Amino acid sequence: MGRRSPSGANIGQVAAEAGVSAATVSRVITGADRVAPETARRVREAIRALGYEPNRLAQGLRRRRTMTIGLVLSGFTNSFFFELIAQTAEVGKEAGYSMLVSGDADPEGEALRLAGGRIVDGIVFVAAHGESRASRLNDLSIPIVCFDRAPADLSCPVVQIDNERGAREVTRHLADQGARRIAHIAGPAEVLASQPRRTGYRLALEDAGIERDPALEVPGDFTEEAGYRAMYELLGRGEPFDGVFAANDLMAIGAMRAAAESGIRVPDDLLVGGFDGISSGRFTVPRLTTCAQPISHMARLAVAKLLRTIESGETAQHREDIVVAGELLVRESSTRCGSPQDSPPAR
């Protein structure tokens, strides 16, 4: 008889529902990469439909594992991280793994603690800063995959968005909509994503034949308050500008608030774009144009890569950059009446 889950369903029933073999179901559950995407989708749908839950305790005892993966980050600063947690947990659950989430001011130290205590079988790690102590993680006794931010000294697979390309697309879109004096609210220099987004902004200005004005670049720290302050700083400098690309959505939202308080209408007087695609951007007035990170897809890639390494029993890891393109979402904050809409349509 096939292994039964608490719902009463067994792996054989899942296989029958999906029209595949039990071995194929097992490979999907463990994150093996020898399964066609369409087949894996059918298996996951069957697992959800039948309420099948792999017996984590039995699997762990057989394999001397905890059947738990860790998600380690430096904190929970915006909804981007909450969505990452939800998506990572969902993918892990499909493979029979629980998830332990840790937000710590010293994420590298926390990862070392989890690995040293054999509390988890592997770690999805979100680095905080470029000058991090990430090299300490190269000697971990368990697999690790880095998500979104990639310290140069970390020798492990990295799943990340193409920050430069995404920033370039948003800024170029603002220029295409008629903005000729585009300001940039940058992320903090020590955060890994900030520099490629700044570079993308500058390259887009070159693409559009717009001369860069250093007076239109102001620093921020990825919070609404920083965007709010940055907008007032830009206005106080007395330099005209008709567009703003903020390095993340939170700063863009703060900037729009300050603009509204100052009698500046978005998008009639000022075009605004952000980065990340957080849910709040769909509810601002006007709704925020952004480069959306495909968090669900990225989380699935990261966890699948981690689980394959766990299942293989490999200990040595090597740098592998898995770069994913963002999606330009054009909304009302960057489109004046009569302006052409980019694709995909605003949502």
Protein backbone atom coordinates (compact mmCIF):
# COMPACT_ATOMS: atom_id res chain seq x y z
CA MET A 1 0.00 0.00 0.00
CA GLY A 2 1.28 3.51 -0.83
CA ARG A 3 2.32 5.90 1.89
CA ARG A 4 -0.73 7.64 3.40
CA SER A 5 -0.94 11.24 4.49
CA PRO A 6 -3.09 12.61 7.32
CA SER A 7 -5.84 13.31 4.75
CA GLY A 8 -5.99 9.60 3.89
CA ALA A 9 -4.59 10.04 0.39
CA ASN A 10 -1.49 8.11 -0.60
CA ILE A 11 1.20 8.59 -3.20
CA GLY A 12 -0.43 6.03 -5.49
CA GLN A 13 -3.67 8.01 -5.55
CA VAL A 14 -1.76 11.18 -6.35
CA ALA A 15 -0.02 9.36 -9.20
CA ALA A 16 -3.34 8.09 -10.57
CA GLU A 17 -4.92 11.55 -10.32
CA ALA A 18 -2.01 13.12 -12.21
CA GLY A 19 -1.67 10.25 -14.70
CA VAL A 20 1.94 9.53 -13.81
CA SER A 21 3.93 6.94 -11.88
CA ALA A 22 4.50 7.01 -8.13
CA ALA A 23 8.21 7.49 -8.85
CA THR A 24 7.42 10.66 -10.79
CA VAL A 25 5.34 11.98 -7.88
CA SER A 26 8.27 11.28 -5.57
CA ARG A 27 10.65 13.18 -7.85
CA VAL A 28 8.34 16.21 -7.90
CA ILE A 29 8.02 16.12 -4.10
CA THR A 30 11.79 16.03 -3.62
CA GLY A 31 12.43 18.77 -6.19
CA ALA A 32 14.23 16.57 -8.71
CA ASP A 33 14.90 18.32 -12.01
CA ARG A 34 14.14 15.38 -14.31
CA VAL A 35 10.42 16.15 -14.52
CA ALA A 36 8.79 18.11 -17.35
CA PRO A 37 7.21 21.38 -16.15
CA GLU A 38 3.72 20.38 -17.32
CA THR A 39 4.01 17.01 -15.57
CA ALA A 40 5.20 18.68 -12.37
CA ARG A 41 2.26 21.09 -12.55
CA ARG A 42 -0.23 18.19 -12.83
CA VAL A 43 1.37 16.45 -9.87
CA ARG A 44 1.25 19.58 -7.70
CA GLU A 45 -2.41 20.12 -8.62
CA ALA A 46 -3.18 16.50 -7.68
CA ILE A 47 -1.36 16.91 -4.35
CA ARG A 48 -3.46 19.97 -3.54
CA ALA A 49 -6.72 18.42 -4.78
CA LEU A 50 -6.28 15.27 -2.68
CA GLY A 51 -4.79 17.03 0.33
CA TYR A 52 -1.79 14.70 0.22
CA GLU A 53 0.94 15.47 2.75
CA PRO A 54 4.20 13.51 2.61
CA ASN A 55 5.16 11.89 5.92
CA ARG A 56 7.98 14.22 6.91
CA LEU A 57 8.85 12.35 10.09
CA ALA A 58 9.26 9.03 8.31
CA GLN A 59 11.27 10.64 5.53
CA GLY A 60 13.49 12.39 8.03
CA LEU A 61 14.16 9.26 10.08
CA ARG A 62 15.06 7.29 6.98
CA ARG A 63 17.38 9.96 5.64
CA ARG A 64 18.63 11.41 8.95
CA ARG A 65 17.13 14.78 8.14
CA THR A 66 14.98 17.32 9.90
CA MET A 67 12.72 17.81 6.84
CA THR A 68 12.95 21.53 7.56
CA ILE A 69 14.45 24.32 5.49
CA GLY A 70 15.46 27.71 6.84
CA LEU A 71 14.68 31.13 5.39
CA VAL A 72 17.14 33.64 6.85
CA LEU A 73 16.85 37.39 6.27
CA SER A 74 17.98 40.54 8.00
CA GLY A 75 14.44 41.70 8.78
CA PHE A 76 10.94 42.23 7.44
CA THR A 77 11.00 45.74 6.03
CA ASN A 78 8.16 45.54 3.50
CA SER A 79 5.54 43.30 1.94
CA PHE A 80 8.10 41.95 -0.53
CA PHE A 81 9.52 39.79 2.25
CA PHE A 82 6.12 38.62 3.47
CA GLU A 83 5.30 37.41 -0.03
CA LEU A 84 8.68 35.68 -0.22
CA ILE A 85 7.96 33.87 3.06
CA ALA A 86 4.54 32.72 1.86
CA GLN A 87 5.81 31.48 -1.50
CA THR A 88 8.85 29.72 -0.04
CA ALA A 89 6.69 27.96 2.54
CA GLU A 90 4.24 26.81 -0.13
CA VAL A 91 6.95 25.32 -2.34
CA GLY A 92 8.62 23.64 0.62
CA LYS A 93 5.34 22.15 1.80
CA GLU A 94 4.72 20.61 -1.62
CA ALA A 95 8.00 18.75 -1.19
CA GLY A 96 7.18 17.67 2.37
CA TYR A 97 9.37 20.21 4.15
CA SER A 98 8.49 22.55 6.99
CA MET A 99 10.02 26.01 7.02
CA LEU A 100 11.74 27.95 9.78
CA VAL A 101 11.84 31.73 9.23
CA SER A 102 14.42 33.88 10.97
CA GLY A 103 14.81 37.64 10.75
CA ASP A 104 18.06 38.62 12.41
CA ALA A 105 20.33 41.67 12.49
CA ASP A 106 23.21 39.25 11.86
CA PRO A 107 21.79 36.91 9.19
CA GLU A 108 25.15 35.26 8.53
CA GLY A 109 25.55 34.42 12.21
CA GLU A 110 22.00 33.08 12.33
CA ALA A 111 22.65 30.86 9.31
CA LEU A 112 25.77 29.48 10.98
CA ARG A 113 23.79 28.76 14.15
CA LEU A 114 21.05 26.89 12.27
CA ALA A 115 23.60 24.87 10.31
CA GLY A 116 25.79 24.11 13.31
CA GLY A 117 22.86 22.85 15.33
CA ARG A 118 21.52 20.77 12.45
CA ILE A 119 18.22 22.54 12.96
CA VAL A 120 17.52 22.69 9.21
CA ASP A 121 18.60 20.67 6.17
CA GLY A 122 19.30 23.70 3.99
CA ILE A 123 18.95 27.48 3.93
CA VAL A 124 17.48 30.07 1.58
CA PHE A 125 19.52 33.13 2.48
CA VAL A 126 18.64 36.77 1.78
CA ALA A 127 21.81 38.83 2.21
CA ALA A 128 21.53 42.29 3.68
CA HIS A 129 24.58 44.22 2.54
CA GLY A 130 27.32 44.13 -0.06
CA GLU A 131 30.10 44.16 2.51
CA SER A 132 28.49 41.32 4.40
CA ARG A 133 30.36 38.56 6.13
CA ALA A 134 28.91 36.14 3.64
CA SER A 135 32.21 34.33 3.07
CA ARG A 136 31.67 32.71 6.48
CA LEU A 137 28.85 30.74 4.88
CA ASN A 138 31.06 29.08 2.27
CA ASP A 139 32.06 26.40 4.77
CA LEU A 140 28.53 25.52 5.89
CA SER A 141 27.90 21.82 6.34
CA ILE A 142 24.46 22.13 4.73
CA PRO A 143 23.34 23.47 1.33
CA ILE A 144 22.50 27.15 0.90
CA VAL A 145 20.87 29.14 -1.92
CA CYS A 146 21.00 32.94 -1.96
CA PHE A 147 17.84 34.82 -2.92
CA ASP A 148 17.59 38.25 -4.55
CA ARG A 149 20.85 39.67 -3.24
CA ALA A 150 24.18 38.18 -4.17
CA PRO A 151 27.39 38.98 -2.24
CA ALA A 152 30.36 38.47 -4.54
CA ASP A 153 32.17 36.36 -1.95
CA LEU A 154 29.38 33.79 -1.53
CA SER A 155 30.04 30.51 -3.35
CA CYS A 156 26.56 29.11 -3.83
CA PRO A 157 23.65 29.28 -6.28
CA VAL A 158 21.98 32.70 -6.44
CA VAL A 159 18.46 33.40 -7.71
CA GLN A 160 18.03 37.09 -8.43
CA ILE A 161 16.18 39.57 -10.60
CA ASP A 162 17.99 41.53 -13.30
CA ASN A 163 18.03 44.77 -11.31
CA GLU A 164 19.86 46.82 -13.93
CA ARG A 165 17.55 45.78 -16.75
CA GLY A 166 14.41 46.39 -14.70
CA ALA A 167 15.50 49.87 -13.62
CA ARG A 168 16.47 50.69 -17.18
CA GLU A 169 13.05 49.65 -18.48
CA VAL A 170 11.13 51.74 -15.93
CA THR A 171 13.27 54.84 -16.54
CA ARG A 172 13.14 54.40 -20.31
CA HIS A 173 9.36 54.12 -20.08
CA LEU A 174 9.21 57.47 -18.24
CA ALA A 175 11.32 59.00 -21.02
CA ASP A 176 9.09 57.45 -23.68
CA GLN A 177 6.12 59.10 -21.98
CA GLY A 178 7.75 62.50 -22.43
CA ALA A 179 9.78 63.03 -19.25
CA ARG A 180 13.09 64.78 -19.99
CA ARG A 181 14.28 65.66 -16.48
CA ILE A 182 14.08 62.38 -14.59
CA ALA A 183 15.18 62.27 -10.96
CA HIS A 184 16.35 59.16 -9.12
CA ILE A 185 15.70 58.28 -5.48
CA ALA A 186 18.44 55.70 -4.89
CA GLY A 187 18.67 52.86 -2.42
CA PRO A 188 21.36 52.83 0.29
CA ALA A 189 24.85 52.26 -1.09
CA GLU A 190 25.49 49.28 1.18
CA VAL A 191 22.49 47.33 -0.12
CA LEU A 192 23.38 45.08 -3.03
CA ALA A 193 20.41 45.92 -5.26
CA SER A 194 20.97 49.68 -5.14
CA GLN A 195 23.94 50.04 -7.49
CA PRO A 196 22.60 48.03 -10.45
CA ARG A 197 19.30 49.92 -10.21
CA ARG A 198 21.19 53.22 -10.24
CA THR A 199 23.20 51.98 -13.23
CA GLY A 200 20.02 50.99 -15.07
CA TYR A 201 18.59 54.47 -14.46
CA ARG A 202 21.70 56.14 -15.86
CA LEU A 203 21.84 53.85 -18.90
CA ALA A 204 18.21 54.64 -19.69
CA LEU A 205 19.03 58.35 -19.70
CA GLU A 206 21.79 57.65 -22.21
CA ASP A 207 19.39 55.57 -24.30
CA ALA A 208 17.01 58.54 -24.46
CA GLY A 209 19.72 61.10 -25.16
CA ILE A 210 19.14 62.81 -21.81
CA GLU A 211 22.10 64.37 -20.03
CA ARG A 212 22.43 63.15 -16.45
CA ASP A 213 22.14 65.83 -13.78
CA PRO A 214 23.75 64.81 -10.44
CA ALA A 215 21.45 67.29 -8.68
CA LEU A 216 18.52 65.02 -9.58
CA GLU A 217 19.94 62.01 -7.72
CA VAL A 218 19.13 61.75 -4.01
CA PRO A 219 19.80 58.91 -1.55
CA GLY A 220 17.14 56.92 0.27
CA ASP A 221 16.86 53.84 2.46
CA PHE A 222 14.03 51.87 0.80
CA THR A 223 11.30 53.20 3.15
CA GLU A 224 8.23 55.39 2.47
CA GLU A 225 9.68 58.03 4.79
CA ALA A 226 12.88 58.17 2.73
CA GLY A 227 10.91 58.69 -0.48
CA TYR A 228 8.84 61.38 1.21
CA ARG A 229 11.95 63.23 2.42
CA ALA A 230 13.72 62.77 -0.92
CA MET A 231 10.87 64.42 -2.82
CA TYR A 232 11.03 67.47 -0.56
CA GLU A 233 14.82 67.54 -0.94
CA LEU A 234 14.47 67.51 -4.73
CA LEU A 235 11.91 70.31 -4.60
CA GLY A 236 14.17 72.30 -2.28
CA ARG A 237 17.09 72.14 -4.70
CA GLY A 238 15.17 74.25 -7.20
CA GLU A 239 16.10 72.08 -10.18
CA PRO A 240 13.14 71.34 -12.48
CA PHE A 241 12.16 67.70 -12.99
CA ASP A 242 9.19 65.99 -14.60
CA GLY A 243 9.85 62.34 -13.76
CA VAL A 244 11.03 60.25 -10.81
CA PHE A 245 12.36 56.71 -10.76
CA ALA A 246 12.55 55.42 -7.18
CA ALA A 247 14.71 52.36 -6.51
CA ASN A 248 11.80 50.62 -4.81
CA ASP A 249 8.03 50.95 -4.57
CA LEU A 250 7.97 52.11 -0.97
CA MET A 251 10.09 55.16 -1.77
CA ALA A 252 7.97 55.86 -4.85
CA ILE A 253 4.83 55.80 -2.69
CA GLY A 254 6.40 58.19 -0.18
CA ALA A 255 7.49 60.49 -3.00
CA MET A 256 3.97 60.60 -4.43
CA ARG A 257 2.61 61.56 -1.01
CA ALA A 258 5.04 64.48 -0.77
CA ALA A 259 4.23 65.53 -4.33
CA ALA A 260 0.51 65.59 -3.56
CA GLU A 261 1.12 67.71 -0.45
CA SER A 262 3.09 70.15 -2.59
CA GLY A 263 0.30 70.53 -5.15
CA ILE A 264 2.12 68.46 -7.77
CA ARG A 265 -0.21 66.21 -9.72
CA VAL A 266 0.88 62.69 -10.67
CA PRO A 267 0.92 61.98 -13.60
CA ASP A 268 -0.17 65.36 -15.04
CA ASP A 269 2.82 67.28 -13.65
CA LEU A 270 5.14 64.43 -12.68
CA LEU A 271 5.62 60.84 -13.91
CA VAL A 272 6.61 58.30 -11.24
CA GLY A 273 7.91 54.72 -11.40
CA GLY A 274 9.14 52.27 -8.77
CA PHE A 275 10.62 48.80 -8.46
CA ASP A 276 9.50 45.51 -6.83
CA GLY A 277 5.79 45.22 -7.63
CA ILE A 278 4.54 45.15 -4.03
CA SER A 279 0.78 44.87 -3.58
CA SER A 280 0.48 48.39 -2.12
CA GLY A 281 1.31 49.85 -5.52
CA ARG A 282 -2.02 48.62 -6.88
CA PHE A 283 -3.93 50.69 -4.35
CA THR A 284 -2.17 54.06 -4.50
CA VAL A 285 -3.90 56.96 -6.24
CA PRO A 286 -2.81 56.93 -8.96
CA ARG A 287 -1.70 53.31 -9.15
CA LEU A 288 2.07 52.91 -9.32
CA THR A 289 4.03 51.93 -12.42
CA THR A 290 6.77 49.48 -11.43
CA CYS A 291 9.12 46.68 -12.38
CA ALA A 292 7.56 43.67 -10.67
CA GLN A 293 9.72 40.91 -9.26
CA PRO A 294 8.24 37.47 -10.03
CA ILE A 295 8.56 36.37 -6.42
CA SER A 296 6.57 33.16 -6.81
CA HIS A 297 8.72 32.00 -9.73
CA MET A 298 11.94 33.04 -8.02
CA ALA A 299 10.98 31.32 -4.76
CA ARG A 300 10.16 28.13 -6.65
CA LEU A 301 13.53 28.24 -8.43
CA ALA A 302 15.41 28.85 -5.18
CA VAL A 303 13.67 26.14 -3.15
CA ALA A 304 13.80 23.60 -5.99
CA LYS A 305 17.54 24.23 -6.35
CA LEU A 306 18.02 23.86 -2.60
CA LEU A 307 16.01 20.64 -2.40
CA ARG A 308 17.87 19.09 -5.33
CA THR A 309 21.14 19.77 -3.54
CA ILE A 310 19.78 18.36 -0.27
CA GLU A 311 18.53 15.21 -2.00
CA SER A 312 21.81 14.71 -3.85
CA GLY A 313 23.78 14.74 -0.60
CA GLU A 314 26.34 17.14 -2.08
CA THR A 315 28.30 19.29 0.34
CA ALA A 316 30.58 21.34 -1.93
CA GLN A 317 28.77 24.21 -3.65
CA HIS A 318 29.74 26.54 -6.47
CA ARG A 319 28.60 29.96 -7.61
CA GLU A 320 25.71 29.78 -10.08
CA ASP A 321 23.82 32.94 -11.00
CA ILE A 322 20.19 32.32 -11.95
CA VAL A 323 18.97 35.69 -13.25
CA VAL A 324 15.26 36.31 -13.79
CA ALA A 325 13.74 39.20 -15.75
CA GLY A 326 11.25 41.51 -14.05
CA GLU A 327 7.98 42.65 -15.63
CA LEU A 328 7.23 46.26 -16.45
CA LEU A 329 3.73 47.04 -15.16
CA VAL A 330 2.49 50.29 -16.61
CA ARG A 331 -0.13 52.00 -14.47
CA GLU A 332 -1.58 55.48 -14.08
CA SER A 333 1.38 57.08 -12.26
CA SER A 334 3.32 57.26 -15.52
CA THR A 335 0.69 57.67 -18.25
CA ARG A 336 -0.82 61.00 -19.16
CA CYS A 337 -4.10 61.23 -21.06
CA GLY A 338 -3.50 60.32 -24.67
CA SER A 339 -0.13 58.69 -23.98
CA PRO A 340 0.41 55.23 -25.45
CA GLN A 341 0.23 52.35 -22.98
CA ASP A 342 3.07 49.85 -22.78
CA SER A 343 2.41 46.14 -22.67
CA PRO A 344 1.50 44.23 -20.61
CA PRO A 345 -1.60 46.25 -19.81
CA ALA A 346 -1.78 47.96 -16.44
CA ARG A 347 -3.01 45.82 -13.58
